[in-house]
Amino acid sequence: MVSPAYYIFNFIKEINGLFFHWAIRSKIYISFFGSASDGVRIGQWDLSKTRMKEIPFIIPPLAEQQQIADYLEQKSAEIDATIAHYEQQIDKLKEYKTVLIQAAVTGQIEVSNDG
């Protein structure tokens, strides 16, 4: 969400910053931010400070926040590594495709009409 609004809120309870980072990016909180916003274009709204304060936020004990944040960081890193691996594979296949097409077009390989 893009907004010209910038607010600073203080928490009334201690919260792990990384936990908060992950939590506010979850689908449920994104929908809360959408509900606390006004505007004409989706994704580019003005945030209502009053309605932002009304968003309920579940804050588990600090130890649990840390466990959740650590778990999400680990899983996110694993997913990012998997994506990078497959992106490399895709790049190699695209390169192979380009070389194969070039070889077929220039007569470097024999193309069968057998289907």
PDB file of N, CA and C in Angstrom:
ATOM      1  N   MET A   1       0.849  -1.170   0.000  1.00  0.00           N
ATOM      2  CA  MET A   1       0.000   0.000   0.000  1.00  0.00           C
ATOM      3  C   MET A   1       0.897   1.236   0.000  1.00  0.00           C
ATOM      4  N   VAL A   2       0.557   2.179  -0.825  1.00  0.00           N
ATOM      5  CA  VAL A   2       1.296   3.434  -0.894  1.00  0.00           C
ATOM      6  C   VAL A   2       0.411   4.515  -0.298  1.00  0.00           C
ATOM      7  N   SER A   3       0.969   5.300   0.569  1.00  0.00           N
ATOM      8  CA  SER A   3       0.198   6.367   1.194  1.00  0.00           C
ATOM      9  C   SER A   3       1.117   7.537   1.512  1.00  0.00           C
ATOM     10  N   PRO A   4       0.605   8.750   1.399  1.00  0.00           N
ATOM     11  CA  PRO A   4       1.403   9.903   1.808  1.00  0.00           C
ATOM     12  C   PRO A   4       1.422  10.067   3.328  1.00  0.00           C
ATOM     13  N   ALA A   5       0.648   9.240   4.029  1.00  0.00           N
ATOM     14  CA  ALA A   5       0.537   9.344   5.495  1.00  0.00           C
ATOM     15  C   ALA A   5       1.702   8.625   6.172  1.00  0.00           C
ATOM     16  N   TYR A   6       2.289   9.299   7.130  1.00  0.00           N
ATOM     17  CA  TYR A   6       3.344   8.701   7.950  1.00  0.00           C
ATOM     18  C   TYR A   6       2.985   8.957   9.402  1.00  0.00           C
ATOM     19  N   TYR A   7       2.844   7.879  10.145  1.00  0.00           N
ATOM     20  CA  TYR A   7       2.497   7.995  11.551  1.00  0.00           C
ATOM     21  C   TYR A   7       3.503   7.197  12.373  1.00  0.00           C
ATOM     22  N   ILE A   8       3.727   7.643  13.574  1.00  0.00           N
ATOM     23  CA  ILE A   8       4.556   6.913  14.524  1.00  0.00           C
ATOM     24  C   ILE A   8       3.663   6.523  15.683  1.00  0.00           C
ATOM     25  N   PHE A   9       3.607   5.212  15.941  1.00  0.00           N
ATOM     26  CA  PHE A   9       2.809   4.710  17.041  1.00  0.00           C
ATOM     27  C   PHE A   9       3.740   4.061  18.056  1.00  0.00           C
ATOM     28  N   ASN A  10       3.435   4.209  19.297  1.00  0.00           N
ATOM     29  CA  ASN A  10       4.170   3.527  20.355  1.00  0.00           C
ATOM     30  C   ASN A  10       3.344   2.346  20.829  1.00  0.00           C
ATOM     31  N   PHE A  11       4.012   1.244  21.086  1.00  0.00           N
ATOM     32  CA  PHE A  11       3.319   0.065  21.582  1.00  0.00           C
ATOM     33  C   PHE A  11       3.131   0.169  23.087  1.00  0.00           C
ATOM     34  N   ILE A  12       2.017  -0.354  23.537  1.00  0.00           N
ATOM     35  CA  ILE A  12       1.781  -0.369  24.975  1.00  0.00           C
ATOM     36  C   ILE A  12       2.370  -1.629  25.608  1.00  0.00           C
ATOM     37  N   LYS A  13       2.772  -2.585  24.769  1.00  0.00           N
ATOM     38  CA  LYS A  13       3.441  -3.798  25.225  1.00  0.00           C
ATOM     39  C   LYS A  13       4.746  -3.950  24.447  1.00  0.00           C
ATOM     40  N   GLU A  14       5.680  -4.682  25.026  1.00  0.00           N
ATOM     41  CA  GLU A  14       6.952  -4.923  24.350  1.00  0.00           C
ATOM     42  C   GLU A  14       6.715  -5.856  23.164  1.00  0.00           C
ATOM     43  N   ILE A  15       7.337  -5.531  22.038  1.00  0.00           N
ATOM     44  CA  ILE A  15       7.142  -6.331  20.832  1.00  0.00           C
ATOM     45  C   ILE A  15       8.464  -6.495  20.101  1.00  0.00           C
ATOM     46  N   ASN A  16       8.656  -7.682  19.552  1.00  0.00           N
ATOM     47  CA  ASN A  16       9.827  -8.001  18.747  1.00  0.00           C
ATOM     48  C   ASN A  16       9.646  -7.361  17.371  1.00  0.00           C
ATOM     49  N   GLY A  17      10.601  -6.553  16.951  1.00  0.00           N
ATOM     50  CA  GLY A  17      10.484  -5.833  15.684  1.00  0.00           C
ATOM     51  C   GLY A  17      10.327  -6.746  14.484  1.00  0.00           C
ATOM     52  N   LEU A  18      11.052  -7.861  14.473  1.00  0.00           N
ATOM     53  CA  LEU A  18      10.965  -8.793  13.352  1.00  0.00           C
ATOM     54  C   LEU A  18       9.594  -9.478  13.323  1.00  0.00           C
ATOM     55  N   PHE A  19       9.081  -9.812  14.494  1.00  0.00           N
ATOM     56  CA  PHE A  19       7.734 -10.381  14.571  1.00  0.00           C
ATOM     57  C   PHE A  19       6.725  -9.386  14.002  1.00  0.00           C
ATOM     58  N   PHE A  20       6.840  -8.131  14.409  1.00  0.00           N
ATOM     59  CA  PHE A  20       5.921  -7.099  13.932  1.00  0.00           C
ATOM     60  C   PHE A  20       6.024  -6.945  12.412  1.00  0.00           C
ATOM     61  N   HIS A  21       7.254  -6.966  11.912  1.00  0.00           N
ATOM     62  CA  HIS A  21       7.506  -6.878  10.470  1.00  0.00           C
ATOM     63  C   HIS A  21       6.709  -7.943   9.721  1.00  0.00           C
ATOM     64  N   TRP A  22       6.820  -9.193  10.185  1.00  0.00           N
ATOM     65  CA  TRP A  22       6.112 -10.290   9.519  1.00  0.00           C
ATOM     66  C   TRP A  22       4.608 -10.168   9.714  1.00  0.00           C
ATOM     67  N   ALA A  23       4.180  -9.830  10.898  1.00  0.00           N
ATOM     68  CA  ALA A  23       2.749  -9.782  11.199  1.00  0.00           C
ATOM     69  C   ALA A  23       2.016  -8.761  10.332  1.00  0.00           C
ATOM     70  N   ILE A  24       2.550  -7.553  10.216  1.00  0.00           N
ATOM     71  CA  ILE A  24       1.813  -6.523   9.468  1.00  0.00           C
ATOM     72  C   ILE A  24       1.811  -6.786   7.961  1.00  0.00           C
ATOM     73  N   ARG A  25       2.608  -7.737   7.518  1.00  0.00           N
ATOM     74  CA  ARG A  25       2.611  -8.093   6.103  1.00  0.00           C
ATOM     75  C   ARG A  25       1.742  -9.315   5.823  1.00  0.00           C
ATOM     76  N   SER A  26       1.107  -9.833   6.860  1.00  0.00           N
ATOM     77  CA  SER A  26       0.231 -10.991   6.679  1.00  0.00           C
ATOM     78  C   SER A  26      -1.096 -10.537   6.076  1.00  0.00           C
ATOM     79  N   LYS A  27      -1.784 -11.466   5.423  1.00  0.00           N
ATOM     80  CA  LYS A  27      -3.031 -11.124   4.734  1.00  0.00           C
ATOM     81  C   LYS A  27      -4.050 -10.474   5.657  1.00  0.00           C
ATOM     82  N   ILE A  28      -4.160 -10.975   6.852  1.00  0.00           N
ATOM     83  CA  ILE A  28      -5.183 -10.432   7.750  1.00  0.00           C
ATOM     84  C   ILE A  28      -4.908  -8.967   8.084  1.00  0.00           C
ATOM     85  N   TYR A  29      -3.640  -8.619   8.331  1.00  0.00           N
ATOM     86  CA  TYR A  29      -3.357  -7.228   8.687  1.00  0.00           C
ATOM     87  C   TYR A  29      -3.384  -6.318   7.473  1.00  0.00           C
ATOM     88  N   ILE A  30      -3.049  -6.834   6.313  1.00  0.00           N
ATOM     89  CA  ILE A  30      -3.176  -6.027   5.097  1.00  0.00           C
ATOM     90  C   ILE A  30      -4.636  -5.633   4.902  1.00  0.00           C
ATOM     91  N   SER A  31      -5.544  -6.573   5.174  1.00  0.00           N
ATOM     92  CA  SER A  31      -6.968  -6.238   5.026  1.00  0.00           C
ATOM     93  C   SER A  31      -7.397  -5.198   6.069  1.00  0.00           C
ATOM     94  N   PHE A  32      -6.835  -5.281   7.288  1.00  0.00           N
ATOM     95  CA  PHE A  32      -7.141  -4.261   8.305  1.00  0.00           C
ATOM     96  C   PHE A  32      -6.660  -2.883   7.845  1.00  0.00           C
ATOM     97  N   PHE A  33      -5.458  -2.821   7.259  1.00  0.00           N
ATOM     98  CA  PHE A  33      -4.950  -1.536   6.781  1.00  0.00           C
ATOM     99  C   PHE A  33      -5.819  -0.997   5.648  1.00  0.00           C
ATOM    100  N   GLY A  34      -6.288  -1.898   4.804  1.00  0.00           N
ATOM    101  CA  GLY A  34      -7.204  -1.477   3.744  1.00  0.00           C
ATOM    102  C   GLY A  34      -8.481  -0.883   4.305  1.00  0.00           C
ATOM    103  N   SER A  35      -8.991  -1.497   5.373  1.00  0.00           N
ATOM    104  CA  SER A  35     -10.215  -1.000   6.010  1.00  0.00           C
ATOM    105  C   SER A  35      -9.991   0.337   6.711  1.00  0.00           C
ATOM    106  N   ALA A  36      -8.754   0.592   7.114  1.00  0.00           N
ATOM    107  CA  ALA A  36      -8.440   1.839   7.826  1.00  0.00           C
ATOM    108  C   ALA A  36      -7.996   2.940   6.868  1.00  0.00           C
ATOM    109  N   SER A  37      -8.275   2.741   5.583  1.00  0.00           N
ATOM    110  CA  SER A  37      -7.786   3.675   4.573  1.00  0.00           C
ATOM    111  C   SER A  37      -8.927   4.238   3.746  1.00  0.00           C
ATOM    112  N   ASP A  38      -8.672   5.402   3.167  1.00  0.00           N
ATOM    113  CA  ASP A  38      -9.613   6.052   2.267  1.00  0.00           C
ATOM    114  C   ASP A  38      -8.872   6.420   0.997  1.00  0.00           C
ATOM    115  N   GLY A  39      -9.583   6.403  -0.097  1.00  0.00           N
ATOM    116  CA  GLY A  39      -8.955   6.847  -1.328  1.00  0.00           C
ATOM    117  C   GLY A  39      -9.712   6.384  -2.542  1.00  0.00           C
ATOM    118  N   VAL A  40      -9.248   6.852  -3.682  1.00  0.00           N
ATOM    119  CA  VAL A  40      -9.906   6.558  -4.935  1.00  0.00           C
ATOM    120  C   VAL A  40      -9.315   5.308  -5.586  1.00  0.00           C
ATOM    121  N   ARG A  41      -8.004   5.190  -5.541  1.00  0.00           N
ATOM    122  CA  ARG A  41      -7.333   4.090  -6.231  1.00  0.00           C
ATOM    123  C   ARG A  41      -6.874   3.037  -5.224  1.00  0.00           C
ATOM    124  N   ILE A  42      -7.166   1.782  -5.524  1.00  0.00           N
ATOM    125  CA  ILE A  42      -6.738   0.686  -4.651  1.00  0.00           C
ATOM    126  C   ILE A  42      -5.222   0.671  -4.589  1.00  0.00           C
ATOM    127  N   GLY A  43      -4.691   0.532  -3.387  1.00  0.00           N
ATOM    128  CA  GLY A  43      -3.250   0.482  -3.195  1.00  0.00           C
ATOM    129  C   GLY A  43      -2.608   1.847  -2.964  1.00  0.00           C
ATOM    130  N   GLN A  44      -3.338   2.912  -3.226  1.00  0.00           N
ATOM    131  CA  GLN A  44      -2.811   4.258  -3.012  1.00  0.00           C
ATOM    132  C   GLN A  44      -3.837   5.057  -2.216  1.00  0.00           C
ATOM    133  N   TRP A  45      -3.840   4.798  -0.923  1.00  0.00           N
ATOM    134  CA  TRP A  45      -4.843   5.383  -0.065  1.00  0.00           C
ATOM    135  C   TRP A  45      -4.218   6.233   1.020  1.00  0.00           C
ATOM    136  N   ASP A  46      -5.043   7.043   1.620  1.00  0.00           N
ATOM    137  CA  ASP A  46      -4.661   7.787   2.817  1.00  0.00           C
ATOM    138  C   ASP A  46      -5.068   6.961   4.021  1.00  0.00           C
ATOM    139  N   LEU A  47      -4.130   6.757   4.922  1.00  0.00           N
ATOM    140  CA  LEU A  47      -4.424   5.992   6.130  1.00  0.00           C
ATOM    141  C   LEU A  47      -5.066   6.893   7.170  1.00  0.00           C
ATOM    142  N   SER A  48      -6.094   6.382   7.821  1.00  0.00           N
ATOM    143  CA  SER A  48      -6.771   7.126   8.885  1.00  0.00           C
ATOM    144  C   SER A  48      -6.087   6.783  10.206  1.00  0.00           C
ATOM    145  N   LYS A  49      -5.528   7.793  10.855  1.00  0.00           N
ATOM    146  CA  LYS A  49      -4.845   7.573  12.126  1.00  0.00           C
ATOM    147  C   LYS A  49      -5.803   6.995  13.170  1.00  0.00           C
ATOM    148  N   THR A  50      -7.001   7.502  13.202  1.00  0.00           N
ATOM    149  CA  THR A  50      -7.989   7.029  14.170  1.00  0.00           C
ATOM    150  C   THR A  50      -8.300   5.550  13.939  1.00  0.00           C
ATOM    151  N   ARG A  51      -8.554   5.193  12.685  1.00  0.00           N
ATOM    152  CA  ARG A  51      -8.883   3.795  12.382  1.00  0.00           C
ATOM    153  C   ARG A  51      -7.669   2.883  12.509  1.00  0.00           C
ATOM    154  N   MET A  52      -6.485   3.419  12.277  1.00  0.00           N
ATOM    155  CA  MET A  52      -5.268   2.622  12.465  1.00  0.00           C
ATOM    156  C   MET A  52      -5.135   2.203  13.932  1.00  0.00           C
ATOM    157  N   LYS A  53      -5.464   3.110  14.830  1.00  0.00           N
ATOM    158  CA  LYS A  53      -5.381   2.815  16.264  1.00  0.00           C
ATOM    159  C   LYS A  53      -6.379   1.737  16.692  1.00  0.00           C
ATOM    160  N   GLU A  54      -7.426   1.555  15.901  1.00  0.00           N
ATOM    161  CA  GLU A  54      -8.463   0.581  16.242  1.00  0.00           C
ATOM    162  C   GLU A  54      -8.151  -0.824  15.733  1.00  0.00           C
ATOM    163  N   ILE A  55      -7.098  -0.985  14.957  1.00  0.00           N
ATOM    164  CA  ILE A  55      -6.747  -2.310  14.438  1.00  0.00           C
ATOM    165  C   ILE A  55      -6.302  -3.188  15.603  1.00  0.00           C
ATOM    166  N   PRO A  56      -6.977  -4.309  15.800  1.00  0.00           N
ATOM    167  CA  PRO A  56      -6.557  -5.198  16.890  1.00  0.00           C
ATOM    168  C   PRO A  56      -5.247  -5.886  16.523  1.00  0.00           C
ATOM    169  N   PHE A  57      -4.372  -6.000  17.488  1.00  0.00           N
ATOM    170  CA  PHE A  57      -3.085  -6.640  17.218  1.00  0.00           C
ATOM    171  C   PHE A  57      -2.788  -7.629  18.333  1.00  0.00           C
ATOM    172  N   ILE A  58      -2.683  -8.890  17.968  1.00  0.00           N
ATOM    173  CA  ILE A  58      -2.401  -9.942  18.944  1.00  0.00           C
ATOM    174  C   ILE A  58      -0.900  -9.973  19.190  1.00  0.00           C
ATOM    175  N   ILE A  59      -0.525  -9.836  20.438  1.00  0.00           N
ATOM    176  CA  ILE A  59       0.896  -9.825  20.799  1.00  0.00           C
ATOM    177  C   ILE A  59       1.163 -10.985  21.756  1.00  0.00           C
ATOM    178  N   PRO A  60       1.731 -12.069  21.233  1.00  0.00           N
ATOM    179  CA  PRO A  60       2.077 -13.188  22.114  1.00  0.00           C
ATOM    180  C   PRO A  60       3.273 -12.824  22.992  1.00  0.00           C
ATOM    181  N   PRO A  61       3.597 -13.673  23.959  1.00  0.00           N
ATOM    182  CA  PRO A  61       4.780 -13.419  24.793  1.00  0.00           C
ATOM    183  C   PRO A  61       6.041 -13.265  23.929  1.00  0.00           C
ATOM    184  N   LEU A  62       7.008 -12.499  24.420  1.00  0.00           N
ATOM    185  CA  LEU A  62       8.224 -12.208  23.643  1.00  0.00           C
ATOM    186  C   LEU A  62       8.926 -13.460  23.147  1.00  0.00           C
ATOM    187  N   ALA A  63       9.025 -14.486  23.978  1.00  0.00           N
ATOM    188  CA  ALA A  63       9.707 -15.717  23.561  1.00  0.00           C
ATOM    189  C   ALA A  63       8.998 -16.344  22.357  1.00  0.00           C
ATOM    190  N   GLU A  64       7.675 -16.315  22.377  1.00  0.00           N
ATOM    191  CA  GLU A  64       6.905 -16.869  21.263  1.00  0.00           C
ATOM    192  C   GLU A  64       7.049 -15.991  20.018  1.00  0.00           C
ATOM    193  N   GLN A  65       7.071 -14.673  20.203  1.00  0.00           N
ATOM    194  CA  GLN A  65       7.300 -13.764  19.078  1.00  0.00           C
ATOM    195  C   GLN A  65       8.626 -14.100  18.401  1.00  0.00           C
ATOM    196  N   GLN A  66       9.662 -14.311  19.216  1.00  0.00           N
ATOM    197  CA  GLN A  66      10.991 -14.629  18.682  1.00  0.00           C
ATOM    198  C   GLN A  66      10.965 -15.942  17.914  1.00  0.00           C
ATOM    199  N   GLN A  67      10.280 -16.947  18.457  1.00  0.00           N
ATOM    200  CA  GLN A  67      10.183 -18.239  17.779  1.00  0.00           C
ATOM    201  C   GLN A  67       9.472 -18.095  16.439  1.00  0.00           C
ATOM    202  N   ILE A  68       8.400 -17.339  16.423  1.00  0.00           N
ATOM    203  CA  ILE A  68       7.648 -17.126  15.183  1.00  0.00           C
ATOM    204  C   ILE A  68       8.516 -16.391  14.166  1.00  0.00           C
ATOM    205  N   ALA A  69       9.173 -15.334  14.605  1.00  0.00           N
ATOM    206  CA  ALA A  69      10.024 -14.549  13.699  1.00  0.00           C
ATOM    207  C   ALA A  69      11.174 -15.404  13.171  1.00  0.00           C
ATOM    208  N   ASP A  70      11.831 -16.181  14.037  1.00  0.00           N
ATOM    209  CA  ASP A  70      12.936 -17.046  13.603  1.00  0.00           C
ATOM    210  C   ASP A  70      12.457 -18.076  12.592  1.00  0.00           C
ATOM    211  N   TYR A  71      11.302 -18.679  12.873  1.00  0.00           N
ATOM    212  CA  TYR A  71      10.741 -19.679  11.960  1.00  0.00           C
ATOM    213  C   TYR A  71      10.464 -19.065  10.587  1.00  0.00           C
ATOM    214  N   LEU A  72       9.814 -17.902  10.582  1.00  0.00           N
ATOM    215  CA  LEU A  72       9.483 -17.257   9.311  1.00  0.00           C
ATOM    216  C   LEU A  72      10.731 -16.817   8.554  1.00  0.00           C
ATOM    217  N   GLU A  73      11.740 -16.336   9.265  1.00  0.00           N
ATOM    218  CA  GLU A  73      13.001 -15.971   8.613  1.00  0.00           C
ATOM    219  C   GLU A  73      13.644 -17.190   7.959  1.00  0.00           C
ATOM    220  N   GLN A  74      13.670 -18.322   8.698  1.00  0.00           N
ATOM    221  CA  GLN A  74      14.275 -19.548   8.171  1.00  0.00           C
ATOM    222  C   GLN A  74      13.514 -20.048   6.946  1.00  0.00           C
ATOM    223  N   LYS A  75      12.205 -20.137   7.051  1.00  0.00           N
ATOM    224  CA  LYS A  75      11.392 -20.633   5.936  1.00  0.00           C
ATOM    225  C   LYS A  75      11.468 -19.691   4.743  1.00  0.00           C
ATOM    226  N   SER A  76      11.479 -18.410   5.013  1.00  0.00           N
ATOM    227  CA  SER A  76      11.587 -17.436   3.933  1.00  0.00           C
ATOM    228  C   SER A  76      12.923 -17.584   3.199  1.00  0.00           C
ATOM    229  N   ALA A  77      13.998 -17.797   3.949  1.00  0.00           N
ATOM    230  CA  ALA A  77      15.320 -17.998   3.336  1.00  0.00           C
ATOM    231  C   ALA A  77      15.336 -19.275   2.502  1.00  0.00           C
ATOM    232  N   GLU A  78      14.707 -20.332   3.002  1.00  0.00           N
ATOM    233  CA  GLU A  78      14.627 -21.587   2.251  1.00  0.00           C
ATOM    234  C   GLU A  78      13.852 -21.400   0.953  1.00  0.00           C
ATOM    235  N   ILE A  79      12.741 -20.695   1.038  1.00  0.00           N
ATOM    236  CA  ILE A  79      11.929 -20.443  -0.159  1.00  0.00           C
ATOM    237  C   ILE A  79      12.700 -19.587  -1.155  1.00  0.00           C
ATOM    238  N   ASP A  80      13.368 -18.547  -0.665  1.00  0.00           N
ATOM    239  CA  ASP A  80      14.167 -17.687  -1.545  1.00  0.00           C
ATOM    240  C   ASP A  80      15.273 -18.489  -2.240  1.00  0.00           C
ATOM    241  N   ALA A  81      15.914 -19.413  -1.506  1.00  0.00           N
ATOM    242  CA  ALA A  81      16.969 -20.247  -2.098  1.00  0.00           C
ATOM    243  C   ALA A  81      16.388 -21.172  -3.167  1.00  0.00           C
ATOM    244  N   THR A  82      15.211 -21.717  -2.910  1.00  0.00           N
ATOM    245  CA  THR A  82      14.557 -22.585  -3.891  1.00  0.00           C
ATOM    246  C   THR A  82      14.187 -21.797  -5.138  1.00  0.00           C
ATOM    247  N   ILE A  83      13.651 -20.607  -4.948  1.00  0.00           N
ATOM    248  CA  ILE A  83      13.303 -19.753  -6.089  1.00  0.00           C
ATOM    249  C   ILE A  83      14.555 -19.433  -6.902  1.00  0.00           C
ATOM    250  N   ALA A  84      15.643 -19.078  -6.227  1.00  0.00           N
ATOM    251  CA  ALA A  84      16.900 -18.760  -6.933  1.00  0.00           C
ATOM    252  C   ALA A  84      17.388 -19.962  -7.727  1.00  0.00           C
ATOM    253  N   HIS A  85      17.286 -21.146  -7.125  1.00  0.00           N
ATOM    254  CA  HIS A  85      17.715 -22.376  -7.824  1.00  0.00           C
ATOM    255  C   HIS A  85      16.904 -22.570  -9.105  1.00  0.00           C
ATOM    256  N   TYR A  86      15.581 -22.452  -9.002  1.00  0.00           N
ATOM    257  CA  TYR A  86      14.744 -22.657 -10.180  1.00  0.00           C
ATOM    258  C   TYR A  86      14.898 -21.532 -11.198  1.00  0.00           C
ATOM    259  N   GLU A  87      15.164 -20.329 -10.751  1.00  0.00           N
ATOM    260  CA  GLU A  87      15.429 -19.237 -11.695  1.00  0.00           C
ATOM    261  C   GLU A  87      16.693 -19.520 -12.494  1.00  0.00           C
ATOM    262  N   GLN A  88      17.719 -20.084 -11.842  1.00  0.00           N
ATOM    263  CA  GLN A  88      18.946 -20.474 -12.542  1.00  0.00           C
ATOM    264  C   GLN A  88      18.648 -21.566 -13.564  1.00  0.00           C
ATOM    265  N   GLN A  89      17.823 -22.549 -13.174  1.00  0.00           N
ATOM    266  CA  GLN A  89      17.450 -23.618 -14.092  1.00  0.00           C
ATOM    267  C   GLN A  89      16.695 -23.057 -15.302  1.00  0.00           C
ATOM    268  N   ILE A  90      15.785 -22.134 -15.050  1.00  0.00           N
ATOM    269  CA  ILE A  90      15.016 -21.507 -16.131  1.00  0.00           C
ATOM    270  C   ILE A  90      15.951 -20.749 -17.069  1.00  0.00           C
ATOM    271  N   ASP A  91      16.909 -20.011 -16.516  1.00  0.00           N
ATOM    272  CA  ASP A  91      17.869 -19.273 -17.342  1.00  0.00           C
ATOM    273  C   ASP A  91      18.679 -20.224 -18.217  1.00  0.00           C
ATOM    274  N   LYS A  92      19.100 -21.351 -17.653  1.00  0.00           N
ATOM    275  CA  LYS A  92      19.865 -22.340 -18.422  1.00  0.00           C
ATOM    276  C   LYS A  92      19.012 -22.935 -19.540  1.00  0.00           C
ATOM    277  N   LEU A  93      17.752 -23.221 -19.242  1.00  0.00           N
ATOM    278  CA  LEU A  93      16.863 -23.765 -20.267  1.00  0.00           C
ATOM    279  C   LEU A  93      16.592 -22.751 -21.371  1.00  0.00           C
ATOM    280  N   LYS A  94      16.433 -21.474 -21.006  1.00  0.00           N
ATOM    281  CA  LYS A  94      16.250 -20.431 -22.024  1.00  0.00           C
ATOM    282  C   LYS A  94      17.480 -20.324 -22.916  1.00  0.00           C
ATOM    283  N   GLU A  95      18.657 -20.400 -22.292  1.00  0.00           N
ATOM    284  CA  GLU A  95      19.904 -20.354 -23.058  1.00  0.00           C
ATOM    285  C   GLU A  95      19.998 -21.556 -24.000  1.00  0.00           C
ATOM    286  N   TYR A  96      19.646 -22.735 -23.490  1.00  0.00           N
ATOM    287  CA  TYR A  96      19.661 -23.943 -24.319  1.00  0.00           C
ATOM    288  C   TYR A  96      18.689 -23.801 -25.491  1.00  0.00           C
ATOM    289  N   LYS A  97      17.515 -23.262 -25.226  1.00  0.00           N
ATOM    290  CA  LYS A  97      16.511 -23.054 -26.267  1.00  0.00           C
ATOM    291  C   LYS A  97      17.048 -22.132 -27.355  1.00  0.00           C
ATOM    292  N   THR A  98      17.683 -21.038 -26.949  1.00  0.00           N
ATOM    293  CA  THR A  98      18.245 -20.084 -27.896  1.00  0.00           C
ATOM    294  C   THR A  98      19.318 -20.746 -28.764  1.00  0.00           C
ATOM    295  N   VAL A  99      20.215 -21.501 -28.136  1.00  0.00           N
ATOM    296  CA  VAL A  99      21.278 -22.196 -28.865  1.00  0.00           C
ATOM    297  C   VAL A  99      20.681 -23.226 -29.817  1.00  0.00           C
ATOM    298  N   LEU A 100      19.681 -23.964 -29.370  1.00  0.00           N
ATOM    299  CA  LEU A 100      19.033 -24.976 -30.197  1.00  0.00           C
ATOM    300  C   LEU A 100      18.368 -24.347 -31.417  1.00  0.00           C
ATOM    301  N   ILE A 101      17.642 -23.246 -31.209  1.00  0.00           N
ATOM    302  CA  ILE A 101      16.994 -22.554 -32.326  1.00  0.00           C
ATOM    303  C   ILE A 101      18.037 -22.054 -33.313  1.00  0.00           C
ATOM    304  N   GLN A 102      19.100 -21.450 -32.784  1.00  0.00           N
ATOM    305  CA  GLN A 102      20.159 -20.938 -33.655  1.00  0.00           C
ATOM    306  C   GLN A 102      20.793 -22.076 -34.454  1.00  0.00           C
ATOM    307  N   ALA A 103      21.045 -23.193 -33.815  1.00  0.00           N
ATOM    308  CA  ALA A 103      21.661 -24.327 -34.499  1.00  0.00           C
ATOM    309  C   ALA A 103      20.725 -24.885 -35.565  1.00  0.00           C
ATOM    310  N   ALA A 104      19.443 -24.957 -35.294  1.00  0.00           N
ATOM    311  CA  ALA A 104      18.487 -25.476 -36.262  1.00  0.00           C
ATOM    312  C   ALA A 104      18.349 -24.531 -37.455  1.00  0.00           C
ATOM    313  N   VAL A 105      18.297 -23.250 -37.194  1.00  0.00           N
ATOM    314  CA  VAL A 105      18.123 -22.255 -38.255  1.00  0.00           C
ATOM    315  C   VAL A 105      19.353 -22.173 -39.146  1.00  0.00           C
ATOM    316  N   THR A 106      20.523 -22.323 -38.584  1.00  0.00           N
ATOM    317  CA  THR A 106      21.767 -22.202 -39.361  1.00  0.00           C
ATOM    318  C   THR A 106      22.219 -23.531 -39.948  1.00  0.00           C
ATOM    319  N   GLY A 107      21.424 -24.600 -39.761  1.00  0.00           N
ATOM    320  CA  GLY A 107      21.743 -25.893 -40.354  1.00  0.00           C
ATOM    321  C   GLY A 107      22.826 -26.655 -39.607  1.00  0.00           C
ATOM    322  N   GLN A 108      23.137 -26.280 -38.402  1.00  0.00           N
ATOM    323  CA  GLN A 108      24.166 -26.999 -37.637  1.00  0.00           C
ATOM    324  C   GLN A 108      23.654 -28.313 -37.083  1.00  0.00           C
ATOM    325  N   ILE A 109      22.332 -28.449 -37.024  1.00  0.00           N
ATOM    326  CA  ILE A 109      21.755 -29.741 -36.638  1.00  0.00           C
ATOM    327  C   ILE A 109      20.691 -30.097 -37.670  1.00  0.00           C
ATOM    328  N   GLU A 110      20.474 -31.383 -37.828  1.00  0.00           N
ATOM    329  CA  GLU A 110      19.473 -31.842 -38.797  1.00  0.00           C
ATOM    330  C   GLU A 110      18.129 -31.900 -38.087  1.00  0.00           C
ATOM    331  N   VAL A 111      17.124 -31.289 -38.711  1.00  0.00           N
ATOM    332  CA  VAL A 111      15.783 -31.266 -38.149  1.00  0.00           C
ATOM    333  C   VAL A 111      14.954 -32.281 -38.891  1.00  0.00           C
ATOM    334  N   SER A 112      14.341 -33.207 -38.143  1.00  0.00           N
ATOM    335  CA  SER A 112      13.525 -34.260 -38.742  1.00  0.00           C
ATOM    336  C   SER A 112      12.104 -33.767 -38.915  1.00  0.00           C
ATOM    337  N   ASN A 113      11.458 -34.206 -39.977  1.00  0.00           N
ATOM    338  CA  ASN A 113      10.062 -33.866 -40.233  1.00  0.00           C
ATOM    339  C   ASN A 113       9.125 -34.965 -39.736  1.00  0.00           C
ATOM    340  N   ASP A 114       9.635 -35.850 -38.896  1.00  0.00           N
ATOM    341  CA  ASP A 114       8.840 -36.989 -38.415  1.00  0.00           C
ATOM    342  C   ASP A 114       7.853 -36.586 -37.328  1.00  0.00           C
ATOM    343  N   GLY A 115       7.929 -35.368 -36.817  1.00  0.00           N
ATOM    344  CA  GLY A 115       6.981 -34.873 -35.835  1.00  0.00           C
ATOM    345  C   GLY A 115       7.439 -35.150 -34.482  1.00  0.00           C
TER     346      GLY A 115
END
